[in-house]
Amino acid sequence: MALILLASACLLIVTLGYVSLCAGSPFGTCRKCRGFGYAMKTDRKGRLKRGKHCRRCDGHSKRIRVGRHLYNLWLHLYRDANAAPRKTFAPKG
């Protein structure tokens, strides 16, 4: 019983930590380009040089976190479901 409580407390702490991270910093560095905005290449002498533009982050070096993306989807779905119905006017005649 104590092991289950300890595991659930650890899971709750990790979840709340990730939620606070997504709320405080919704954008993280891109994992593909590691925050450069482009891929790093080496020339024939072994020196680093700039490579292709990163397609995943579009060269901005920041991507939205998964938790923040899910929260934004839920928020848009909630707002669309609870939005006041729009009045449509029928033409006269």
PDB file of N, CA and C in Angstrom:
ATOM      1  N   MET A   1       0.822  -1.197   0.000  1.00  0.00           N
ATOM      2  CA  MET A   1       0.000   0.000   0.000  1.00  0.00           C
ATOM      3  C   MET A   1       0.863   1.256   0.000  1.00  0.00           C
ATOM      4  N   ALA A   2       1.932   1.243   0.797  1.00  0.00           N
ATOM      5  CA  ALA A   2       2.805   2.417   0.865  1.00  0.00           C
ATOM      6  C   ALA A   2       3.541   2.626  -0.446  1.00  0.00           C
ATOM      7  N   LEU A   3       3.862   1.536  -1.141  1.00  0.00           N
ATOM      8  CA  LEU A   3       4.564   1.637  -2.416  1.00  0.00           C
ATOM      9  C   LEU A   3       3.675   2.286  -3.480  1.00  0.00           C
ATOM     10  N   ILE A   4       2.396   1.969  -3.451  1.00  0.00           N
ATOM     11  CA  ILE A   4       1.451   2.570  -4.398  1.00  0.00           C
ATOM     12  C   ILE A   4       1.309   4.063  -4.128  1.00  0.00           C
ATOM     13  N   LEU A   5       1.234   4.439  -2.873  1.00  0.00           N
ATOM     14  CA  LEU A   5       1.138   5.858  -2.521  1.00  0.00           C
ATOM     15  C   LEU A   5       2.397   6.608  -2.927  1.00  0.00           C
ATOM     16  N   LEU A   6       3.558   6.002  -2.722  1.00  0.00           N
ATOM     17  CA  LEU A   6       4.819   6.631  -3.107  1.00  0.00           C
ATOM     18  C   LEU A   6       4.911   6.803  -4.618  1.00  0.00           C
ATOM     19  N   ALA A   7       4.498   5.784  -5.360  1.00  0.00           N
ATOM     20  CA  ALA A   7       4.533   5.856  -6.825  1.00  0.00           C
ATOM     21  C   ALA A   7       3.564   6.916  -7.344  1.00  0.00           C
ATOM     22  N   SER A   8       2.370   6.970  -6.774  1.00  0.00           N
ATOM     23  CA  SER A   8       1.396   7.969  -7.228  1.00  0.00           C
ATOM     24  C   SER A   8       1.841   9.382  -6.847  1.00  0.00           C
ATOM     25  N   ALA A   9       2.498   9.542  -5.689  1.00  0.00           N
ATOM     26  CA  ALA A   9       3.012  10.860  -5.303  1.00  0.00           C
ATOM     27  C   ALA A   9       4.128  11.303  -6.244  1.00  0.00           C
ATOM     28  N   CYS A  10       5.001  10.367  -6.612  1.00  0.00           N
ATOM     29  CA  CYS A  10       6.080  10.700  -7.563  1.00  0.00           C
ATOM     30  C   CYS A  10       5.511  11.076  -8.925  1.00  0.00           C
ATOM     31  N   LEU A  11       4.510  10.339  -9.392  1.00  0.00           N
ATOM     32  CA  LEU A  11       3.870  10.637 -10.664  1.00  0.00           C
ATOM     33  C   LEU A  11       3.187  12.001 -10.626  1.00  0.00           C
ATOM     34  N   LEU A  12       2.549  12.327  -9.518  1.00  0.00           N
ATOM     35  CA  LEU A  12       1.904  13.626  -9.367  1.00  0.00           C
ATOM     36  C   LEU A  12       2.922  14.754  -9.375  1.00  0.00           C
ATOM     37  N   ILE A  13       4.045  14.565  -8.714  1.00  0.00           N
ATOM     38  CA  ILE A  13       5.092  15.596  -8.671  1.00  0.00           C
ATOM     39  C   ILE A  13       5.684  15.820 -10.061  1.00  0.00           C
ATOM     40  N   VAL A  14       5.940  14.736 -10.790  1.00  0.00           N
ATOM     41  CA  VAL A  14       6.487  14.866 -12.145  1.00  0.00           C
ATOM     42  C   VAL A  14       5.485  15.555 -13.068  1.00  0.00           C
ATOM     43  N   THR A  15       4.217  15.190 -12.957  1.00  0.00           N
ATOM     44  CA  THR A  15       3.180  15.797 -13.795  1.00  0.00           C
ATOM     45  C   THR A  15       3.031  17.283 -13.498  1.00  0.00           C
ATOM     46  N   LEU A  16       2.976  17.648 -12.233  1.00  0.00           N
ATOM     47  CA  LEU A  16       2.856  19.068 -11.883  1.00  0.00           C
ATOM     48  C   LEU A  16       4.096  19.854 -12.291  1.00  0.00           C
ATOM     49  N   GLY A  17       5.256  19.223 -12.211  1.00  0.00           N
ATOM     50  CA  GLY A  17       6.480  19.882 -12.664  1.00  0.00           C
ATOM     51  C   GLY A  17       6.453  20.159 -14.157  1.00  0.00           C
ATOM     52  N   TYR A  18       5.973  19.181 -14.950  1.00  0.00           N
ATOM     53  CA  TYR A  18       5.903  19.382 -16.397  1.00  0.00           C
ATOM     54  C   TYR A  18       4.839  20.419 -16.755  1.00  0.00           C
ATOM     55  N   VAL A  19       3.728  20.417 -16.030  1.00  0.00           N
ATOM     56  CA  VAL A  19       2.685  21.419 -16.272  1.00  0.00           C
ATOM     57  C   VAL A  19       3.219  22.819 -15.978  1.00  0.00           C
ATOM     58  N   SER A  20       3.962  22.974 -14.894  1.00  0.00           N
ATOM     59  CA  SER A  20       4.524  24.290 -14.579  1.00  0.00           C
ATOM     60  C   SER A  20       5.595  24.686 -15.593  1.00  0.00           C
ATOM     61  N   LEU A  21       6.356  23.715 -16.102  1.00  0.00           N
ATOM     62  CA  LEU A  21       7.338  24.020 -17.141  1.00  0.00           C
ATOM     63  C   LEU A  21       6.657  24.482 -18.418  1.00  0.00           C
ATOM     64  N   CYS A  22       5.581  23.818 -18.816  1.00  0.00           N
ATOM     65  CA  CYS A  22       4.849  24.212 -20.024  1.00  0.00           C
ATOM     66  C   CYS A  22       4.174  25.570 -19.855  1.00  0.00           C
ATOM     67  N   ALA A  23       3.723  25.874 -18.637  1.00  0.00           N
ATOM     68  CA  ALA A  23       3.089  27.172 -18.400  1.00  0.00           C
ATOM     69  C   ALA A  23       4.122  28.290 -18.364  1.00  0.00           C
ATOM     70  N   GLY A  24       5.262  28.035 -17.760  1.00  0.00           N
ATOM     71  CA  GLY A  24       6.282  29.067 -17.636  1.00  0.00           C
ATOM     72  C   GLY A  24       7.106  29.269 -18.887  1.00  0.00           C
ATOM     73  N   SER A  25       7.387  28.189 -19.601  1.00  0.00           N
ATOM     74  CA  SER A  25       8.203  28.256 -20.809  1.00  0.00           C
ATOM     75  C   SER A  25       7.573  27.356 -21.863  1.00  0.00           C
ATOM     76  N   PRO A  26       6.615  27.875 -22.648  1.00  0.00           N
ATOM     77  CA  PRO A  26       5.909  27.013 -23.598  1.00  0.00           C
ATOM     78  C   PRO A  26       6.757  26.560 -24.778  1.00  0.00           C
ATOM     79  N   PHE A  27       7.867  27.223 -25.044  1.00  0.00           N
ATOM     80  CA  PHE A  27       8.716  26.854 -26.160  1.00  0.00           C
ATOM     81  C   PHE A  27      10.034  26.291 -25.660  1.00  0.00           C
ATOM     82  N   GLY A  28      10.441  25.183 -26.237  1.00  0.00           N
ATOM     83  CA  GLY A  28      11.713  24.561 -25.911  1.00  0.00           C
ATOM     84  C   GLY A  28      12.603  24.566 -27.141  1.00  0.00           C
ATOM     85  N   THR A  29      13.867  24.229 -26.961  1.00  0.00           N
ATOM     86  CA  THR A  29      14.774  24.200 -28.103  1.00  0.00           C
ATOM     87  C   THR A  29      14.442  23.011 -28.998  1.00  0.00           C
ATOM     88  N   CYS A  30      14.676  23.179 -30.261  1.00  0.00           N
ATOM     89  CA  CYS A  30      14.408  22.130 -31.236  1.00  0.00           C
ATOM     90  C   CYS A  30      15.377  20.978 -31.009  1.00  0.00           C
ATOM     91  N   ARG A  31      14.841  19.762 -30.998  1.00  0.00           N
ATOM     92  CA  ARG A  31      15.691  18.602 -30.756  1.00  0.00           C
ATOM     93  C   ARG A  31      16.472  18.196 -31.992  1.00  0.00           C
ATOM     94  N   LYS A  32      15.994  18.550 -33.161  1.00  0.00           N
ATOM     95  CA  LYS A  32      16.679  18.134 -34.375  1.00  0.00           C
ATOM     96  C   LYS A  32      17.930  18.970 -34.630  1.00  0.00           C
ATOM     97  N   CYS A  33      17.804  20.278 -34.527  1.00  0.00           N
ATOM     98  CA  CYS A  33      18.963  21.146 -34.802  1.00  0.00           C
ATOM     99  C   CYS A  33      19.660  21.585 -33.519  1.00  0.00           C
ATOM    100  N   ARG A  34      19.167  21.147 -32.367  1.00  0.00           N
ATOM    101  CA  ARG A  34      19.719  21.468 -31.054  1.00  0.00           C
ATOM    102  C   ARG A  34      19.789  22.980 -30.793  1.00  0.00           C
ATOM    103  N   GLY A  35      18.832  23.718 -31.329  1.00  0.00           N
ATOM    104  CA  GLY A  35      18.738  25.141 -31.052  1.00  0.00           C
ATOM    105  C   GLY A  35      19.553  26.029 -31.978  1.00  0.00           C
ATOM    106  N   PHE A  36      20.160  25.487 -33.014  1.00  0.00           N
ATOM    107  CA  PHE A  36      20.921  26.311 -33.950  1.00  0.00           C
ATOM    108  C   PHE A  36      20.040  26.929 -35.030  1.00  0.00           C
ATOM    109  N   GLY A  37      18.980  26.229 -35.434  1.00  0.00           N
ATOM    110  CA  GLY A  37      18.129  26.707 -36.514  1.00  0.00           C
ATOM    111  C   GLY A  37      18.559  26.143 -37.849  1.00  0.00           C
ATOM    112  N   TYR A  38      19.653  25.417 -37.867  1.00  0.00           N
ATOM    113  CA  TYR A  38      20.159  24.783 -39.077  1.00  0.00           C
ATOM    114  C   TYR A  38      21.012  23.587 -38.662  1.00  0.00           C
ATOM    115  N   ALA A  39      21.211  22.685 -39.590  1.00  0.00           N
ATOM    116  CA  ALA A  39      22.027  21.505 -39.312  1.00  0.00           C
ATOM    117  C   ALA A  39      23.502  21.882 -39.406  1.00  0.00           C
ATOM    118  N   MET A  40      24.307  21.269 -38.591  1.00  0.00           N
ATOM    119  CA  MET A  40      25.753  21.502 -38.641  1.00  0.00           C
ATOM    120  C   MET A  40      26.395  20.440 -39.531  1.00  0.00           C
ATOM    121  N   LYS A  41      27.275  20.881 -40.414  1.00  0.00           N
ATOM    122  CA  LYS A  41      28.002  19.974 -41.290  1.00  0.00           C
ATOM    123  C   LYS A  41      29.494  20.195 -41.093  1.00  0.00           C
ATOM    124  N   THR A  42      30.272  19.267 -41.571  1.00  0.00           N
ATOM    125  CA  THR A  42      31.723  19.442 -41.558  1.00  0.00           C
ATOM    126  C   THR A  42      32.226  19.431 -42.994  1.00  0.00           C
ATOM    127  N   ASP A  43      33.222  20.248 -43.238  1.00  0.00           N
ATOM    128  CA  ASP A  43      33.815  20.226 -44.569  1.00  0.00           C
ATOM    129  C   ASP A  43      34.880  19.127 -44.638  1.00  0.00           C
ATOM    130  N   ARG A  44      35.614  19.071 -45.714  1.00  0.00           N
ATOM    131  CA  ARG A  44      36.586  17.989 -45.885  1.00  0.00           C
ATOM    132  C   ARG A  44      37.746  18.065 -44.904  1.00  0.00           C
ATOM    133  N   LYS A  45      37.981  19.233 -44.368  1.00  0.00           N
ATOM    134  CA  LYS A  45      39.059  19.379 -43.379  1.00  0.00           C
ATOM    135  C   LYS A  45      38.576  19.095 -41.960  1.00  0.00           C
ATOM    136  N   GLY A  46      37.279  18.872 -41.773  1.00  0.00           N
ATOM    137  CA  GLY A  46      36.740  18.562 -40.464  1.00  0.00           C
ATOM    138  C   GLY A  46      36.232  19.769 -39.697  1.00  0.00           C
ATOM    139  N   ARG A  47      36.254  20.936 -40.304  1.00  0.00           N
ATOM    140  CA  ARG A  47      35.750  22.142 -39.640  1.00  0.00           C
ATOM    141  C   ARG A  47      34.235  22.204 -39.749  1.00  0.00           C
ATOM    142  N   LEU A  48      33.601  22.722 -38.716  1.00  0.00           N
ATOM    143  CA  LEU A  48      32.146  22.856 -38.731  1.00  0.00           C
ATOM    144  C   LEU A  48      31.733  24.012 -39.625  1.00  0.00           C
ATOM    145  N   LYS A  49      30.641  23.823 -40.342  1.00  0.00           N
ATOM    146  CA  LYS A  49      30.068  24.902 -41.139  1.00  0.00           C
ATOM    147  C   LYS A  49      28.561  24.781 -41.115  1.00  0.00           C
ATOM    148  N   ARG A  50      27.929  25.848 -41.540  1.00  0.00           N
ATOM    149  CA  ARG A  50      26.473  25.889 -41.520  1.00  0.00           C
ATOM    150  C   ARG A  50      25.912  24.967 -42.598  1.00  0.00           C
ATOM    151  N   GLY A  51      24.882  24.193 -42.210  1.00  0.00           N
ATOM    152  CA  GLY A  51      24.251  23.267 -43.143  1.00  0.00           C
ATOM    153  C   GLY A  51      22.902  23.773 -43.594  1.00  0.00           C
ATOM    154  N   LYS A  52      21.990  22.843 -43.824  1.00  0.00           N
ATOM    155  CA  LYS A  52      20.658  23.188 -44.314  1.00  0.00           C
ATOM    156  C   LYS A  52      19.797  23.824 -43.229  1.00  0.00           C
ATOM    157  N   HIS A  53      18.841  24.589 -43.680  1.00  0.00           N
ATOM    158  CA  HIS A  53      17.816  25.213 -42.840  1.00  0.00           C
ATOM    159  C   HIS A  53      16.988  24.107 -42.189  1.00  0.00           C
ATOM    160  N   CYS A  54      16.725  24.190 -40.880  1.00  0.00           N
ATOM    161  CA  CYS A  54      15.970  23.151 -40.167  1.00  0.00           C
ATOM    162  C   CYS A  54      14.494  23.231 -40.558  1.00  0.00           C
ATOM    163  N   ARG A  55      13.962  22.120 -41.051  1.00  0.00           N
ATOM    164  CA  ARG A  55      12.561  22.096 -41.472  1.00  0.00           C
ATOM    165  C   ARG A  55      11.617  21.946 -40.293  1.00  0.00           C
ATOM    166  N   ARG A  56      12.074  21.320 -39.235  1.00  0.00           N
ATOM    167  CA  ARG A  56      11.198  21.050 -38.098  1.00  0.00           C
ATOM    168  C   ARG A  56      10.824  22.332 -37.353  1.00  0.00           C
ATOM    169  N   CYS A  57      11.794  23.192 -37.096  1.00  0.00           N
ATOM    170  CA  CYS A  57      11.505  24.434 -36.365  1.00  0.00           C
ATOM    171  C   CYS A  57      11.452  25.644 -37.282  1.00  0.00           C
ATOM    172  N   ASP A  58      11.623  25.434 -38.566  1.00  0.00           N
ATOM    173  CA  ASP A  58      11.606  26.491 -39.579  1.00  0.00           C
ATOM    174  C   ASP A  58      12.693  27.535 -39.334  1.00  0.00           C
ATOM    175  N   GLY A  59      13.805  27.101 -38.787  1.00  0.00           N
ATOM    176  CA  GLY A  59      14.939  27.991 -38.585  1.00  0.00           C
ATOM    177  C   GLY A  59      14.833  28.900 -37.381  1.00  0.00           C
ATOM    178  N   HIS A  60      13.782  28.763 -36.575  1.00  0.00           N
ATOM    179  CA  HIS A  60      13.605  29.624 -35.407  1.00  0.00           C
ATOM    180  C   HIS A  60      14.300  29.076 -34.165  1.00  0.00           C
ATOM    181  N   SER A  61      14.717  27.837 -34.211  1.00  0.00           N
ATOM    182  CA  SER A  61      15.413  27.122 -33.135  1.00  0.00           C
ATOM    183  C   SER A  61      14.548  26.867 -31.899  1.00  0.00           C
ATOM    184  N   LYS A  62      13.284  27.180 -31.962  1.00  0.00           N
ATOM    185  CA  LYS A  62      12.356  26.926 -30.850  1.00  0.00           C
ATOM    186  C   LYS A  62      11.138  26.189 -31.375  1.00  0.00           C
ATOM    187  N   ARG A  63      10.646  25.243 -30.579  1.00  0.00           N
ATOM    188  CA  ARG A  63       9.436  24.509 -30.908  1.00  0.00           C
ATOM    189  C   ARG A  63       8.525  24.499 -29.702  1.00  0.00           C
ATOM    190  N   ILE A  64       7.221  24.398 -29.949  1.00  0.00           N
ATOM    191  CA  ILE A  64       6.272  24.365 -28.851  1.00  0.00           C
ATOM    192  C   ILE A  64       6.343  23.001 -28.180  1.00  0.00           C
ATOM    193  N   ARG A  65       6.264  22.988 -26.870  1.00  0.00           N
ATOM    194  CA  ARG A  65       6.332  21.728 -26.124  1.00  0.00           C
ATOM    195  C   ARG A  65       5.062  20.911 -26.338  1.00  0.00           C
ATOM    196  N   VAL A  66       5.173  19.608 -26.186  1.00  0.00           N
ATOM    197  CA  VAL A  66       4.045  18.699 -26.428  1.00  0.00           C
ATOM    198  C   VAL A  66       2.897  19.013 -25.470  1.00  0.00           C
ATOM    199  N   GLY A  67       3.198  19.226 -24.204  1.00  0.00           N
ATOM    200  CA  GLY A  67       2.155  19.527 -23.225  1.00  0.00           C
ATOM    201  C   GLY A  67       1.436  20.824 -23.529  1.00  0.00           C
ATOM    202  N   ARG A  68       2.179  21.833 -23.962  1.00  0.00           N
ATOM    203  CA  ARG A  68       1.554  23.112 -24.301  1.00  0.00           C
ATOM    204  C   ARG A  68       0.706  22.984 -25.559  1.00  0.00           C
ATOM    205  N   HIS A  69       1.166  22.165 -26.521  1.00  0.00           N
ATOM    206  CA  HIS A  69       0.398  21.935 -27.733  1.00  0.00           C
ATOM    207  C   HIS A  69      -0.926  21.242 -27.407  1.00  0.00           C
ATOM    208  N   LEU A  70      -0.895  20.244 -26.537  1.00  0.00           N
ATOM    209  CA  LEU A  70      -2.126  19.561 -26.130  1.00  0.00           C
ATOM    210  C   LEU A  70      -3.062  20.503 -25.383  1.00  0.00           C
ATOM    211  N   TYR A  71      -2.498  21.364 -24.531  1.00  0.00           N
ATOM    212  CA  TYR A  71      -3.317  22.341 -23.813  1.00  0.00           C
ATOM    213  C   TYR A  71      -3.976  23.320 -24.784  1.00  0.00           C
ATOM    214  N   ASN A  72      -3.235  23.779 -25.794  1.00  0.00           N
ATOM    215  CA  ASN A  72      -3.801  24.701 -26.782  1.00  0.00           C
ATOM    216  C   ASN A  72      -4.924  24.035 -27.570  1.00  0.00           C
ATOM    217  N   LEU A  73      -4.742  22.754 -27.941  1.00  0.00           N
ATOM    218  CA  LEU A  73      -5.809  22.038 -28.644  1.00  0.00           C
ATOM    219  C   LEU A  73      -7.054  21.923 -27.775  1.00  0.00           C
ATOM    220  N   TRP A  74      -6.870  21.569 -26.503  1.00  0.00           N
ATOM    221  CA  TRP A  74      -8.010  21.452 -25.598  1.00  0.00           C
ATOM    222  C   TRP A  74      -8.696  22.801 -25.425  1.00  0.00           C
ATOM    223  N   LEU A  75      -7.917  23.877 -25.309  1.00  0.00           N
ATOM    224  CA  LEU A  75      -8.483  25.206 -25.103  1.00  0.00           C
ATOM    225  C   LEU A  75      -9.303  25.649 -26.311  1.00  0.00           C
ATOM    226  N   HIS A  76      -8.807  25.417 -27.513  1.00  0.00           N
ATOM    227  CA  HIS A  76      -9.558  25.787 -28.716  1.00  0.00           C
ATOM    228  C   HIS A  76     -10.827  24.956 -28.841  1.00  0.00           C
ATOM    229  N   LEU A  77     -10.738  23.678 -28.519  1.00  0.00           N
ATOM    230  CA  LEU A  77     -11.917  22.822 -28.566  1.00  0.00           C
ATOM    231  C   LEU A  77     -12.959  23.267 -27.542  1.00  0.00           C
ATOM    232  N   TYR A  78     -12.512  23.620 -26.356  1.00  0.00           N
ATOM    233  CA  TYR A  78     -13.423  24.078 -25.300  1.00  0.00           C
ATOM    234  C   TYR A  78     -14.083  25.403 -25.682  1.00  0.00           C
ATOM    235  N   ARG A  79     -13.295  26.330 -26.239  1.00  0.00           N
ATOM    236  CA  ARG A  79     -13.857  27.625 -26.630  1.00  0.00           C
ATOM    237  C   ARG A  79     -14.841  27.486 -27.782  1.00  0.00           C
ATOM    238  N   ASP A  80     -14.531  26.604 -28.732  1.00  0.00           N
ATOM    239  CA  ASP A  80     -15.455  26.411 -29.854  1.00  0.00           C
ATOM    240  C   ASP A  80     -16.760  25.752 -29.404  1.00  0.00           C
ATOM    241  N   ALA A  81     -16.676  24.849 -28.436  1.00  0.00           N
ATOM    242  CA  ALA A  81     -17.877  24.163 -27.968  1.00  0.00           C
ATOM    243  C   ALA A  81     -18.761  25.080 -27.134  1.00  0.00           C
ATOM    244  N   ASN A  82     -18.166  25.987 -26.378  1.00  0.00           N
ATOM    245  CA  ASN A  82     -18.935  26.849 -25.485  1.00  0.00           C
ATOM    246  C   ASN A  82     -19.145  28.254 -26.026  1.00  0.00           C
ATOM    247  N   ALA A  83     -18.836  28.455 -27.273  1.00  0.00           N
ATOM    248  CA  ALA A  83     -19.034  29.780 -27.864  1.00  0.00           C
ATOM    249  C   ALA A  83     -20.524  30.039 -28.043  1.00  0.00           C
ATOM    250  N   ALA A  84     -20.885  31.304 -27.899  1.00  0.00           N
ATOM    251  CA  ALA A  84     -22.282  31.677 -28.088  1.00  0.00           C
ATOM    252  C   ALA A  84     -22.638  31.492 -29.563  1.00  0.00           C
ATOM    253  N   PRO A  85     -23.832  30.975 -29.830  1.00  0.00           N
ATOM    254  CA  PRO A  85     -24.212  30.792 -31.239  1.00  0.00           C
ATOM    255  C   PRO A  85     -24.321  32.140 -31.938  1.00  0.00           C
ATOM    256  N   ARG A  86     -23.857  32.167 -33.146  1.00  0.00           N
ATOM    257  CA  ARG A  86     -23.903  33.413 -33.914  1.00  0.00           C
ATOM    258  C   ARG A  86     -25.284  33.590 -34.518  1.00  0.00           C
ATOM    259  N   LYS A  87     -25.711  34.831 -34.519  1.00  0.00           N
ATOM    260  CA  LYS A  87     -27.013  35.116 -35.094  1.00  0.00           C
ATOM    261  C   LYS A  87     -26.867  35.240 -36.602  1.00  0.00           C
ATOM    262  N   THR A  88     -27.690  34.504 -37.289  1.00  0.00           N
ATOM    263  CA  THR A  88     -27.713  34.623 -38.748  1.00  0.00           C
ATOM    264  C   THR A  88     -29.004  35.318 -39.130  1.00  0.00           C
ATOM    265  N   PHE A  89     -28.883  36.236 -40.034  1.00  0.00           N
ATOM    266  CA  PHE A  89     -30.030  37.006 -40.453  1.00  0.00           C
ATOM    267  C   PHE A  89     -30.552  36.456 -41.770  1.00  0.00           C
ATOM    268  N   ALA A  90     -31.823  36.144 -41.780  1.00  0.00           N
ATOM    269  CA  ALA A  90     -32.452  35.651 -42.999  1.00  0.00           C
ATOM    270  C   ALA A  90     -32.835  36.856 -43.861  1.00  0.00           C
ATOM    271  N   PRO A  91     -32.676  36.723 -45.149  1.00  0.00           N
ATOM    272  CA  PRO A  91     -33.060  37.842 -46.016  1.00  0.00           C
ATOM    273  C   PRO A  91     -34.574  38.059 -45.983  1.00  0.00           C
ATOM    274  N   LYS A  92     -34.959  39.308 -46.053  1.00  0.00           N
ATOM    275  CA  LYS A  92     -36.385  39.645 -46.031  1.00  0.00           C
ATOM    276  C   LYS A  92     -36.960  39.477 -47.428  1.00  0.00           C
ATOM    277  N   GLY A  93     -38.161  38.994 -47.416  1.00  0.00           N
ATOM    278  CA  GLY A  93     -38.860  38.962 -48.684  1.00  0.00           C
ATOM    279  C   GLY A  93     -39.102  37.691 -49.243  1.00  0.00           C
TER     280      GLY A  93
END
